[in-house]
Amino acid sequence: MQIDARASEIEILQTPKPTSGYIVDDAGILSRAAAGSINKTLQELESETGYHLNVITVRKLVFEQDPYAFGDKILETWYPTVEEGTNKGNFLLVKTAKEGAIVGGPKFLKAVGDDVLESILSKNVPINLEYEKFNEALTSSVDRIAAVLEGKADPGPPAKFEKDNSRTYKTRKETGEKREAFSNVVVGLLVISFVVPMLQYFGYVTGDPDFDD
């Protein structure tokens, strides 16, 4: 049965705010290991700092196509007052569009900082999603946000994966040149094996005064 994306968006808005966890995986892209890692990281974050980050995935957006607008709408639905939402944040990832958005209350956004937010959304998300590494996109982004909010060093963005296009095989011409060089060496060795003994023998004969007796 095909899921109506619009119904999915409405269902997320009707979902109660997370209280025992931090993930609403509507797109079904998180592995058990990744979900466990994210929940552990965000639980420690809230326990140590008071900041609360929700991770939300959706297959695609139809009703509200702007991920930032939809993320804000969820935030306002779950935390309707400034006091409730000031230290809260939502990290939204859209599977089919391969894009993400991070929204939050004033205190949350200021603490994370524009540079880190921009780096996550311009590097962690697109670099990983280019190769459909959804779990890595989410876990690496969450790790960066948590580290900064806890006053630790920012792990930084991932190194971009570059496919190695260098040849690992030889062309026909290169193979022919190598074979020709090998043949020349063999011929040279054969010549040496015949000529050198003959020269030695000739030298021995011409140097022996009793050879003609």
N, C-alpha and C. Protein backbone atom coordinates (compact mmCIF):
# COMPACT_ATOMS: atom_id res chain seq x y z
N MET A 1 0.85 -1.19 0.00
CA MET A 1 0.00 0.00 0.00
C MET A 1 0.88 1.24 0.00
N GLN A 2 0.65 2.16 -0.89
CA GLN A 2 1.44 3.37 -0.99
C GLN A 2 1.00 4.37 0.07
N ILE A 3 1.96 4.98 0.75
CA ILE A 3 1.65 5.94 1.79
C ILE A 3 1.48 7.32 1.18
N ASP A 4 0.41 7.99 1.53
CA ASP A 4 0.17 9.35 1.06
C ASP A 4 1.09 10.28 1.82
N ALA A 5 1.98 10.98 1.09
CA ALA A 5 2.95 11.86 1.75
C ALA A 5 2.25 12.97 2.52
N ARG A 6 1.13 13.48 1.99
CA ARG A 6 0.43 14.54 2.68
C ARG A 6 -0.13 14.04 4.00
N ALA A 7 -0.71 12.84 3.97
CA ALA A 7 -1.22 12.24 5.20
C ALA A 7 -0.09 12.04 6.20
N SER A 8 1.09 11.68 5.68
CA SER A 8 2.25 11.47 6.53
C SER A 8 2.64 12.76 7.24
N GLU A 9 2.61 13.87 6.53
CA GLU A 9 2.94 15.16 7.14
C GLU A 9 1.93 15.50 8.24
N ILE A 10 0.66 15.29 7.97
CA ILE A 10 -0.39 15.58 8.95
C ILE A 10 -0.23 14.70 10.17
N GLU A 11 0.14 13.42 9.93
CA GLU A 11 0.33 12.49 11.04
C GLU A 11 1.48 12.94 11.94
N ILE A 12 2.53 13.46 11.34
CA ILE A 12 3.66 13.95 12.14
C ILE A 12 3.21 15.12 13.00
N LEU A 13 2.43 16.03 12.43
CA LEU A 13 1.94 17.18 13.18
C LEU A 13 0.99 16.75 14.30
N GLN A 14 0.32 15.64 14.10
CA GLN A 14 -0.61 15.12 15.12
C GLN A 14 0.08 14.23 16.13
N THR A 15 1.35 13.88 15.85
CA THR A 15 2.10 13.04 16.78
C THR A 15 2.47 13.85 18.02
N PRO A 16 2.24 13.32 19.20
CA PRO A 16 2.63 14.04 20.43
C PRO A 16 4.13 14.27 20.46
N LYS A 17 4.55 15.35 21.06
CA LYS A 17 5.98 15.63 21.15
C LYS A 17 6.70 14.49 21.86
N PRO A 18 7.88 14.13 21.39
CA PRO A 18 8.63 13.03 22.00
C PRO A 18 8.95 13.33 23.46
N THR A 19 8.70 12.39 24.31
CA THR A 19 9.02 12.54 25.73
C THR A 19 9.97 11.46 26.23
N SER A 20 9.82 10.26 25.70
CA SER A 20 10.69 9.15 26.12
C SER A 20 11.81 8.89 25.13
N GLY A 21 11.81 9.60 24.02
CA GLY A 21 12.84 9.46 22.99
C GLY A 21 12.99 10.76 22.23
N TYR A 22 13.77 10.71 21.16
CA TYR A 22 14.07 11.94 20.43
C TYR A 22 13.87 11.77 18.93
N ILE A 23 13.29 10.64 18.51
CA ILE A 23 13.22 10.33 17.09
C ILE A 23 11.79 10.07 16.64
N VAL A 24 11.43 10.69 15.49
CA VAL A 24 10.20 10.36 14.78
C VAL A 24 10.63 9.97 13.37
N ASP A 25 10.83 8.68 13.16
CA ASP A 25 11.38 8.18 11.89
C ASP A 25 10.24 7.77 10.96
N ASP A 26 9.52 8.76 10.44
CA ASP A 26 8.38 8.47 9.57
C ASP A 26 8.83 7.85 8.24
N ALA A 27 10.05 8.20 7.78
CA ALA A 27 10.54 7.66 6.51
C ALA A 27 11.08 6.24 6.66
N GLY A 28 11.28 5.80 7.89
CA GLY A 28 11.79 4.46 8.12
C GLY A 28 13.19 4.23 7.60
N ILE A 29 14.09 5.20 7.78
CA ILE A 29 15.43 5.09 7.22
C ILE A 29 16.50 4.80 8.26
N LEU A 30 16.16 4.91 9.54
CA LEU A 30 17.16 4.72 10.58
C LEU A 30 17.30 3.25 10.96
N SER A 31 18.53 2.78 11.00
CA SER A 31 18.77 1.43 11.49
C SER A 31 18.65 1.42 13.01
N ARG A 32 18.54 0.23 13.57
CA ARG A 32 18.41 0.13 15.03
C ARG A 32 19.66 0.69 15.70
N ALA A 33 20.81 0.41 15.14
CA ALA A 33 22.06 0.89 15.72
C ALA A 33 22.14 2.41 15.69
N ALA A 34 21.78 3.00 14.55
CA ALA A 34 21.82 4.45 14.41
C ALA A 34 20.83 5.12 15.35
N ALA A 35 19.63 4.57 15.43
CA ALA A 35 18.61 5.13 16.32
C ALA A 35 19.07 5.06 17.77
N GLY A 36 19.67 3.93 18.14
CA GLY A 36 20.17 3.79 19.51
C GLY A 36 21.26 4.79 19.82
N SER A 37 22.16 5.00 18.85
CA SER A 37 23.26 5.94 19.04
C SER A 37 22.74 7.37 19.19
N ILE A 38 21.79 7.74 18.34
CA ILE A 38 21.23 9.10 18.39
C ILE A 38 20.48 9.34 19.69
N ASN A 39 19.65 8.39 20.08
CA ASN A 39 18.90 8.55 21.34
C ASN A 39 19.84 8.68 22.53
N LYS A 40 20.90 7.89 22.55
CA LYS A 40 21.87 7.95 23.65
C LYS A 40 22.55 9.31 23.70
N THR A 41 22.98 9.78 22.53
CA THR A 41 23.67 11.08 22.45
C THR A 41 22.75 12.21 22.90
N LEU A 42 21.51 12.19 22.43
CA LEU A 42 20.59 13.28 22.75
C LEU A 42 20.09 13.21 24.19
N GLN A 43 20.00 12.02 24.74
CA GLN A 43 19.63 11.89 26.15
C GLN A 43 20.72 12.48 27.04
N GLU A 44 21.97 12.18 26.72
CA GLU A 44 23.09 12.73 27.48
C GLU A 44 23.15 14.24 27.31
N LEU A 45 22.87 14.72 26.10
CA LEU A 45 22.87 16.15 25.85
C LEU A 45 21.85 16.87 26.72
N GLU A 46 20.62 16.36 26.74
CA GLU A 46 19.57 17.02 27.53
C GLU A 46 19.88 16.92 29.01
N SER A 47 20.41 15.79 29.44
CA SER A 47 20.72 15.61 30.85
C SER A 47 21.80 16.58 31.32
N GLU A 48 22.78 16.84 30.45
CA GLU A 48 23.91 17.68 30.84
C GLU A 48 23.68 19.17 30.60
N THR A 49 22.88 19.50 29.58
CA THR A 49 22.74 20.91 29.20
C THR A 49 21.32 21.46 29.25
N GLY A 50 20.33 20.58 29.18
CA GLY A 50 18.94 21.06 29.14
C GLY A 50 18.43 21.28 27.72
N TYR A 51 19.32 21.19 26.74
CA TYR A 51 18.90 21.36 25.34
C TYR A 51 18.27 20.06 24.84
N HIS A 52 17.19 20.20 24.09
CA HIS A 52 16.46 19.04 23.59
C HIS A 52 16.37 19.14 22.06
N LEU A 53 16.87 18.11 21.38
CA LEU A 53 16.82 18.07 19.92
C LEU A 53 16.03 16.86 19.46
N ASN A 54 15.06 17.09 18.59
CA ASN A 54 14.29 16.00 17.99
C ASN A 54 14.80 15.73 16.58
N VAL A 55 14.90 14.47 16.21
CA VAL A 55 15.29 14.05 14.87
C VAL A 55 14.05 13.51 14.17
N ILE A 56 13.69 14.13 13.05
CA ILE A 56 12.46 13.77 12.35
C ILE A 56 12.79 13.44 10.89
N THR A 57 12.32 12.31 10.41
CA THR A 57 12.50 11.97 9.00
C THR A 57 11.14 11.83 8.33
N VAL A 58 11.07 12.23 7.09
CA VAL A 58 9.85 12.10 6.31
C VAL A 58 10.24 11.68 4.90
N ARG A 59 9.40 10.87 4.28
CA ARG A 59 9.74 10.37 2.94
C ARG A 59 9.80 11.50 1.93
N LYS A 60 8.76 12.34 1.89
CA LYS A 60 8.79 13.52 1.04
C LYS A 60 7.77 14.53 1.55
N LEU A 61 7.92 15.76 1.12
CA LEU A 61 7.00 16.82 1.52
C LEU A 61 6.11 17.21 0.35
N VAL A 62 4.83 17.28 0.60
CA VAL A 62 3.87 17.69 -0.43
C VAL A 62 3.05 18.86 0.07
N PHE A 63 2.48 18.71 1.24
CA PHE A 63 1.63 19.74 1.83
C PHE A 63 2.42 21.03 2.07
N GLU A 64 3.62 20.90 2.62
CA GLU A 64 4.52 22.02 2.86
C GLU A 64 5.89 21.63 2.34
N GLN A 65 6.26 22.13 1.17
CA GLN A 65 7.47 21.66 0.50
C GLN A 65 8.76 22.27 1.04
N ASP A 66 8.66 23.33 1.80
CA ASP A 66 9.85 23.94 2.39
C ASP A 66 10.18 23.23 3.70
N PRO A 67 11.31 22.53 3.77
CA PRO A 67 11.63 21.77 4.99
C PRO A 67 11.77 22.66 6.22
N TYR A 68 12.26 23.89 6.04
CA TYR A 68 12.39 24.80 7.18
C TYR A 68 11.01 25.20 7.70
N ALA A 69 10.10 25.48 6.79
CA ALA A 69 8.75 25.86 7.18
C ALA A 69 8.06 24.71 7.90
N PHE A 70 8.25 23.49 7.38
CA PHE A 70 7.62 22.34 8.01
C PHE A 70 8.24 22.05 9.37
N GLY A 71 9.56 22.19 9.45
CA GLY A 71 10.24 21.99 10.73
C GLY A 71 9.77 22.98 11.78
N ASP A 72 9.60 24.24 11.36
CA ASP A 72 9.09 25.26 12.27
C ASP A 72 7.66 24.97 12.70
N LYS A 73 6.87 24.46 11.76
CA LYS A 73 5.48 24.15 12.06
C LYS A 73 5.39 23.04 13.11
N ILE A 74 6.27 22.04 12.99
CA ILE A 74 6.29 20.97 14.00
C ILE A 74 6.71 21.53 15.36
N LEU A 75 7.74 22.39 15.33
CA LEU A 75 8.25 22.97 16.58
C LEU A 75 7.17 23.78 17.28
N GLU A 76 6.44 24.59 16.52
CA GLU A 76 5.38 25.42 17.10
C GLU A 76 4.21 24.58 17.59
N THR A 77 3.97 23.44 16.92
CA THR A 77 2.89 22.56 17.36
C THR A 77 3.25 21.86 18.67
N TRP A 78 4.47 21.40 18.78
CA TRP A 78 4.90 20.68 19.97
C TRP A 78 5.20 21.61 21.14
N TYR A 79 5.74 22.79 20.82
CA TYR A 79 6.12 23.75 21.86
C TYR A 79 5.53 25.12 21.50
N PRO A 80 4.27 25.33 21.82
CA PRO A 80 3.54 26.51 21.34
C PRO A 80 3.98 27.85 21.92
N THR A 81 4.71 27.86 23.02
CA THR A 81 5.15 29.14 23.60
C THR A 81 6.66 29.28 23.46
N VAL A 82 7.14 30.51 23.51
CA VAL A 82 8.58 30.77 23.41
C VAL A 82 9.32 30.13 24.58
N GLU A 83 8.72 30.19 25.76
CA GLU A 83 9.35 29.60 26.94
C GLU A 83 9.55 28.09 26.78
N GLU A 84 8.57 27.42 26.21
CA GLU A 84 8.67 25.97 26.00
C GLU A 84 9.69 25.61 24.93
N GLY A 85 9.74 26.42 23.88
CA GLY A 85 10.55 26.06 22.72
C GLY A 85 11.91 26.71 22.62
N THR A 86 12.26 27.58 23.57
CA THR A 86 13.51 28.34 23.42
C THR A 86 14.76 27.46 23.39
N ASN A 87 14.76 26.36 24.14
CA ASN A 87 15.95 25.49 24.16
C ASN A 87 15.70 24.17 23.43
N LYS A 88 14.68 24.17 22.55
CA LYS A 88 14.34 22.98 21.76
C LYS A 88 14.75 23.16 20.30
N GLY A 89 15.00 22.05 19.64
CA GLY A 89 15.34 22.09 18.23
C GLY A 89 14.79 20.89 17.48
N ASN A 90 14.59 21.05 16.19
CA ASN A 90 14.15 19.95 15.31
C ASN A 90 15.13 19.82 14.16
N PHE A 91 15.60 18.60 13.96
CA PHE A 91 16.45 18.30 12.80
C PHE A 91 15.61 17.44 11.86
N LEU A 92 15.21 18.02 10.74
CA LEU A 92 14.33 17.35 9.78
C LEU A 92 15.12 16.88 8.57
N LEU A 93 14.90 15.64 8.16
CA LEU A 93 15.54 15.11 6.95
C LEU A 93 14.47 14.56 6.02
N VAL A 94 14.50 15.01 4.76
CA VAL A 94 13.54 14.58 3.74
C VAL A 94 14.23 13.59 2.82
N LYS A 95 13.75 12.36 2.80
CA LYS A 95 14.42 11.28 2.10
C LYS A 95 14.50 11.49 0.59
N THR A 96 13.36 11.67 -0.09
CA THR A 96 13.37 11.73 -1.55
C THR A 96 14.08 12.97 -2.08
N ALA A 97 13.91 14.10 -1.40
CA ALA A 97 14.55 15.34 -1.85
C ALA A 97 16.02 15.39 -1.43
N LYS A 98 16.42 14.50 -0.50
CA LYS A 98 17.79 14.46 0.02
C LYS A 98 18.22 15.83 0.53
N GLU A 99 17.38 16.39 1.41
CA GLU A 99 17.71 17.68 2.01
C GLU A 99 17.31 17.68 3.47
N GLY A 100 17.85 18.61 4.21
CA GLY A 100 17.56 18.68 5.62
C GLY A 100 17.36 20.10 6.07
N ALA A 101 16.87 20.24 7.29
CA ALA A 101 16.66 21.56 7.88
C ALA A 101 16.81 21.44 9.39
N ILE A 102 17.42 22.44 9.98
CA ILE A 102 17.54 22.49 11.44
C ILE A 102 16.88 23.78 11.90
N VAL A 103 15.86 23.64 12.71
CA VAL A 103 15.14 24.80 13.25
C VAL A 103 15.16 24.68 14.77
N GLY A 104 14.82 25.78 15.45
CA GLY A 104 14.82 25.72 16.90
C GLY A 104 14.43 27.04 17.52
N GLY A 105 14.33 27.01 18.82
CA GLY A 105 14.04 28.21 19.57
C GLY A 105 15.26 29.12 19.63
N PRO A 106 15.07 30.37 20.07
CA PRO A 106 16.17 31.36 20.08
C PRO A 106 17.41 30.90 20.85
N LYS A 107 17.23 30.33 22.01
CA LYS A 107 18.37 29.90 22.83
C LYS A 107 19.11 28.75 22.17
N PHE A 108 18.36 27.81 21.62
CA PHE A 108 18.96 26.65 20.96
C PHE A 108 19.80 27.07 19.75
N LEU A 109 19.23 27.88 18.87
CA LEU A 109 19.92 28.29 17.65
C LEU A 109 21.16 29.13 17.96
N LYS A 110 21.07 30.00 18.94
CA LYS A 110 22.20 30.84 19.31
C LYS A 110 23.34 29.99 19.86
N ALA A 111 22.99 28.98 20.67
CA ALA A 111 24.02 28.13 21.28
C ALA A 111 24.76 27.29 20.24
N VAL A 112 24.02 26.78 19.26
CA VAL A 112 24.67 25.98 18.21
C VAL A 112 25.52 26.87 17.31
N GLY A 113 24.97 28.01 16.92
CA GLY A 113 25.72 28.96 16.10
C GLY A 113 25.48 28.78 14.61
N ASP A 114 25.47 29.90 13.91
CA ASP A 114 25.18 29.88 12.47
C ASP A 114 26.22 29.10 11.67
N ASP A 115 27.49 29.22 12.07
CA ASP A 115 28.56 28.56 11.30
C ASP A 115 28.41 27.03 11.32
N VAL A 116 28.12 26.49 12.49
CA VAL A 116 27.97 25.03 12.61
C VAL A 116 26.71 24.57 11.88
N LEU A 117 25.62 25.32 12.05
CA LEU A 117 24.38 24.95 11.37
C LEU A 117 24.56 24.96 9.85
N GLU A 118 25.21 26.00 9.35
CA GLU A 118 25.43 26.09 7.90
C GLU A 118 26.35 24.97 7.41
N SER A 119 27.37 24.65 8.20
CA SER A 119 28.30 23.60 7.82
C SER A 119 27.61 22.24 7.78
N ILE A 120 26.75 21.96 8.75
CA ILE A 120 26.03 20.69 8.78
C ILE A 120 25.13 20.54 7.56
N LEU A 121 24.39 21.62 7.25
CA LEU A 121 23.41 21.54 6.17
C LEU A 121 24.05 21.66 4.78
N SER A 122 25.28 22.13 4.72
CA SER A 122 25.94 22.26 3.42
C SER A 122 26.98 21.17 3.20
N LYS A 123 27.31 20.42 4.27
CA LYS A 123 28.34 19.39 4.14
C LYS A 123 27.89 18.02 4.67
N ASN A 124 27.62 17.94 5.97
CA ASN A 124 27.23 16.63 6.52
C ASN A 124 26.04 16.02 5.79
N VAL A 125 25.01 16.84 5.57
CA VAL A 125 23.79 16.32 4.95
C VAL A 125 23.99 16.01 3.47
N PRO A 126 24.39 16.97 2.63
CA PRO A 126 24.49 16.65 1.19
C PRO A 126 25.59 15.66 0.83
N ILE A 127 26.73 15.70 1.52
CA ILE A 127 27.83 14.79 1.19
C ILE A 127 27.41 13.34 1.46
N ASN A 128 26.75 13.11 2.60
CA ASN A 128 26.31 11.74 2.92
C ASN A 128 25.11 11.32 2.09
N LEU A 129 24.18 12.24 1.86
CA LEU A 129 22.98 11.87 1.12
C LEU A 129 23.27 11.66 -0.36
N GLU A 130 24.37 12.22 -0.85
CA GLU A 130 24.75 11.99 -2.24
C GLU A 130 24.94 10.50 -2.50
N TYR A 131 25.39 9.79 -1.46
CA TYR A 131 25.60 8.34 -1.56
C TYR A 131 24.56 7.58 -0.74
N GLU A 132 23.45 8.28 -0.42
CA GLU A 132 22.32 7.69 0.32
C GLU A 132 22.74 7.10 1.66
N LYS A 133 23.68 7.77 2.30
CA LYS A 133 24.10 7.36 3.65
C LYS A 133 23.25 8.14 4.65
N PHE A 134 21.98 7.76 4.74
CA PHE A 134 21.04 8.49 5.58
C PHE A 134 21.41 8.40 7.06
N ASN A 135 21.78 7.22 7.50
CA ASN A 135 22.14 7.05 8.90
C ASN A 135 23.36 7.88 9.28
N GLU A 136 24.35 7.89 8.41
CA GLU A 136 25.56 8.66 8.67
C GLU A 136 25.27 10.15 8.65
N ALA A 137 24.39 10.59 7.76
CA ALA A 137 24.02 12.01 7.70
C ALA A 137 23.42 12.45 9.03
N LEU A 138 22.55 11.63 9.59
CA LEU A 138 21.88 11.97 10.84
C LEU A 138 22.81 11.86 12.04
N THR A 139 23.51 10.74 12.16
CA THR A 139 24.37 10.54 13.33
C THR A 139 25.52 11.55 13.38
N SER A 140 26.14 11.82 12.24
CA SER A 140 27.27 12.76 12.24
C SER A 140 26.81 14.17 12.54
N SER A 141 25.62 14.54 12.06
CA SER A 141 25.08 15.87 12.32
C SER A 141 24.71 16.02 13.80
N VAL A 142 24.06 15.01 14.34
CA VAL A 142 23.68 15.03 15.76
C VAL A 142 24.93 15.11 16.64
N ASP A 143 25.95 14.37 16.28
CA ASP A 143 27.20 14.38 17.06
C ASP A 143 27.81 15.79 17.08
N ARG A 144 27.76 16.48 15.96
CA ARG A 144 28.32 17.83 15.90
C ARG A 144 27.51 18.80 16.76
N ILE A 145 26.18 18.73 16.66
CA ILE A 145 25.32 19.62 17.44
C ILE A 145 25.53 19.37 18.93
N ALA A 146 25.53 18.10 19.32
CA ALA A 146 25.69 17.75 20.73
C ALA A 146 27.05 18.22 21.26
N ALA A 147 28.09 18.02 20.48
CA ALA A 147 29.44 18.42 20.91
C ALA A 147 29.51 19.92 21.17
N VAL A 148 28.97 20.70 20.26
CA VAL A 148 29.02 22.16 20.40
C VAL A 148 28.21 22.61 21.61
N LEU A 149 27.01 22.06 21.79
CA LEU A 149 26.16 22.45 22.91
C LEU A 149 26.75 22.03 24.25
N GLU A 150 27.56 20.98 24.26
CA GLU A 150 28.21 20.52 25.49
C GLU A 150 29.55 21.21 25.72
N GLY A 151 29.91 22.13 24.82
CA GLY A 151 31.15 22.87 24.99
C GLY A 151 32.39 22.13 24.56
N LYS A 152 32.20 21.07 23.78
CA LYS A 152 33.32 20.28 23.29
C LYS A 152 33.75 20.77 21.90
N ALA A 153 34.86 20.23 21.42
CA ALA A 153 35.34 20.61 20.09
C ALA A 153 34.40 20.05 19.02
N ASP A 154 34.15 20.85 18.01
CA ASP A 154 33.30 20.43 16.90
C ASP A 154 34.03 19.36 16.09
N PRO A 155 33.46 18.16 15.92
CA PRO A 155 34.10 17.11 15.12
C PRO A 155 34.33 17.52 13.67
N GLY A 156 33.56 18.48 13.20
CA GLY A 156 33.73 18.96 11.84
C GLY A 156 32.99 18.12 10.81
N PRO A 157 32.94 18.61 9.59
CA PRO A 157 32.23 17.91 8.52
C PRO A 157 33.00 16.71 8.01
N PRO A 158 32.33 15.81 7.30
CA PRO A 158 33.02 14.64 6.75
C PRO A 158 33.86 15.03 5.54
N ALA A 159 34.89 14.24 5.29
CA ALA A 159 35.68 14.45 4.07
C ALA A 159 34.87 13.93 2.90
N LYS A 160 34.81 14.69 1.83
CA LYS A 160 34.02 14.28 0.68
C LYS A 160 34.62 13.07 0.04
N PHE A 161 33.78 12.07 -0.23
CA PHE A 161 34.22 10.83 -0.88
C PHE A 161 34.43 11.10 -2.36
N GLU A 162 35.65 10.85 -2.83
CA GLU A 162 35.97 11.04 -4.24
C GLU A 162 36.27 9.68 -4.86
N LYS A 163 35.55 9.33 -5.88
CA LYS A 163 35.77 8.05 -6.55
C LYS A 163 37.11 8.08 -7.27
N ASP A 164 37.89 7.03 -7.10
CA ASP A 164 39.19 6.91 -7.75
C ASP A 164 38.99 6.46 -9.19
N ASN A 165 39.24 7.40 -10.11
CA ASN A 165 39.05 7.10 -11.53
C ASN A 165 40.34 6.68 -12.23
N SER A 166 41.42 6.52 -11.45
CA SER A 166 42.69 6.13 -12.07
C SER A 166 42.61 4.69 -12.55
N ARG A 167 43.34 4.41 -13.67
CA ARG A 167 43.30 3.07 -14.24
C ARG A 167 44.12 2.13 -13.38
N THR A 168 43.61 0.90 -13.24
CA THR A 168 44.35 -0.15 -12.54
C THR A 168 44.77 -1.23 -13.51
N TYR A 169 44.62 -0.96 -14.80
CA TYR A 169 44.99 -1.94 -15.82
C TYR A 169 45.87 -1.27 -16.87
N LYS A 170 46.59 -2.09 -17.69
CA LYS A 170 47.44 -1.54 -18.73
C LYS A 170 46.72 -1.60 -20.07
N THR A 171 46.99 -0.60 -20.91
CA THR A 171 46.40 -0.59 -22.23
C THR A 171 47.11 -1.61 -23.11
N ARG A 172 46.53 -1.86 -24.27
CA ARG A 172 47.14 -2.81 -25.21
C ARG A 172 48.50 -2.31 -25.65
N LYS A 173 48.63 -1.00 -25.85
CA LYS A 173 49.90 -0.42 -26.27
C LYS A 173 50.96 -0.61 -25.19
N GLU A 174 50.56 -0.34 -23.92
CA GLU A 174 51.50 -0.49 -22.81
C GLU A 174 51.94 -1.94 -22.65
N THR A 175 51.01 -2.86 -22.83
CA THR A 175 51.34 -4.28 -22.74
C THR A 175 52.30 -4.68 -23.84
N GLY A 176 52.06 -4.18 -25.07
CA GLY A 176 52.93 -4.48 -26.20
C GLY A 176 54.33 -3.94 -25.98
N GLU A 177 54.42 -2.69 -25.43
CA GLU A 177 55.73 -2.09 -25.17
C GLU A 177 56.49 -2.90 -24.12
N LYS A 178 55.76 -3.36 -23.11
CA LYS A 178 56.41 -4.14 -22.05
C LYS A 178 56.90 -5.48 -22.60
N ARG A 179 56.07 -6.12 -23.46
CA ARG A 179 56.45 -7.40 -24.05
C ARG A 179 57.67 -7.22 -24.95
N GLU A 180 57.70 -6.12 -25.72
CA GLU A 180 58.83 -5.85 -26.61
C GLU A 180 60.11 -5.65 -25.81
N ALA A 181 60.01 -4.91 -24.70
CA ALA A 181 61.18 -4.67 -23.87
C ALA A 181 61.68 -5.98 -23.26
N PHE A 182 60.75 -6.81 -22.85
CA PHE A 182 61.11 -8.10 -22.27
C PHE A 182 61.80 -8.98 -23.31
N SER A 183 61.28 -8.95 -24.56
CA SER A 183 61.88 -9.74 -25.64
C SER A 183 63.29 -9.28 -25.93
N ASN A 184 63.53 -7.98 -25.90
CA ASN A 184 64.88 -7.44 -26.15
C ASN A 184 65.85 -7.90 -25.08
N VAL A 185 65.35 -7.93 -23.84
CA VAL A 185 66.22 -8.38 -22.74
C VAL A 185 66.59 -9.84 -22.93
N VAL A 186 65.60 -10.67 -23.29
CA VAL A 186 65.86 -12.09 -23.50
C VAL A 186 66.88 -12.31 -24.61
N VAL A 187 66.68 -11.60 -25.74
CA VAL A 187 67.61 -11.72 -26.86
C VAL A 187 69.01 -11.31 -26.43
N GLY A 188 69.11 -10.22 -25.66
CA GLY A 188 70.40 -9.74 -25.19
C GLY A 188 71.09 -10.77 -24.32
N LEU A 189 70.32 -11.42 -23.44
CA LEU A 189 70.91 -12.45 -22.57
C LEU A 189 71.39 -13.65 -23.37
N LEU A 190 70.60 -14.02 -24.41
CA LEU A 190 71.00 -15.14 -25.24
C LEU A 190 72.30 -14.84 -25.98
N VAL A 191 72.41 -13.62 -26.49
CA VAL A 191 73.62 -13.22 -27.21
C VAL A 191 74.82 -13.29 -26.27
N ILE A 192 74.63 -12.76 -25.07
CA ILE A 192 75.73 -12.76 -24.10
C ILE A 192 76.14 -14.18 -23.74
N SER A 193 75.16 -15.07 -23.61
CA SER A 193 75.46 -16.44 -23.20
C SER A 193 76.27 -17.19 -24.26
N PHE A 194 76.14 -16.76 -25.56
CA PHE A 194 76.92 -17.42 -26.62
C PHE A 194 78.23 -16.69 -26.88
N VAL A 195 78.19 -15.39 -26.92
CA VAL A 195 79.36 -14.60 -27.34
C VAL A 195 80.44 -14.62 -26.28
N VAL A 196 80.08 -14.43 -25.03
CA VAL A 196 81.09 -14.33 -23.96
C VAL A 196 81.93 -15.60 -23.86
N PRO A 197 81.32 -16.80 -23.85
CA PRO A 197 82.17 -18.03 -23.81
C PRO A 197 83.08 -18.14 -25.02
N MET A 198 82.60 -17.71 -26.19
CA MET A 198 83.42 -17.79 -27.39
C MET A 198 84.62 -16.86 -27.27
N LEU A 199 84.37 -15.66 -26.76
CA LEU A 199 85.47 -14.71 -26.59
C LEU A 199 86.48 -15.22 -25.57
N GLN A 200 85.97 -15.83 -24.51
CA GLN A 200 86.87 -16.39 -23.51
C GLN A 200 87.73 -17.52 -24.10
N TYR A 201 87.07 -18.35 -24.90
CA TYR A 201 87.79 -19.46 -25.51
C TYR A 201 88.82 -18.95 -26.50
N PHE A 202 88.43 -17.93 -27.28
CA PHE A 202 89.37 -17.36 -28.26
C PHE A 202 90.58 -16.77 -27.55
N GLY A 203 90.32 -16.09 -26.46
CA GLY A 203 91.42 -15.50 -25.70
C GLY A 203 92.33 -16.57 -25.13
N TYR A 204 91.73 -17.65 -24.68
CA TYR A 204 92.51 -18.75 -24.11
C TYR A 204 93.37 -19.41 -25.17
N VAL A 205 92.80 -19.61 -26.37
CA VAL A 205 93.52 -20.27 -27.46
C VAL A 205 94.66 -19.42 -27.96
N THR A 206 94.40 -18.15 -28.18
CA THR A 206 95.45 -17.27 -28.73
C THR A 206 96.54 -17.01 -27.72
N GLY A 207 96.25 -17.20 -26.48
CA GLY A 207 97.27 -16.95 -25.45
C GLY A 207 98.06 -18.19 -25.07
N ASP A 208 97.76 -19.36 -25.68
CA ASP A 208 98.45 -20.60 -25.33
C ASP A 208 99.48 -20.91 -26.41
N PRO A 209 100.80 -20.80 -26.14
CA PRO A 209 101.82 -21.01 -27.17
C PRO A 209 101.92 -22.44 -27.65
N ASP A 210 101.46 -23.37 -26.85
CA ASP A 210 101.56 -24.78 -27.25
C ASP A 210 100.31 -25.28 -27.93
N PHE A 211 99.37 -24.37 -28.25
CA PHE A 211 98.08 -24.82 -28.81
C PHE A 211 98.26 -25.51 -30.16
N ASP A 212 99.25 -25.02 -31.02
CA ASP A 212 99.40 -25.57 -32.36
C ASP A 212 100.25 -26.85 -32.36
N ASP A 213 100.89 -27.16 -31.24
CA ASP A 213 101.75 -28.37 -31.22
C ASP A 213 100.93 -29.63 -31.16
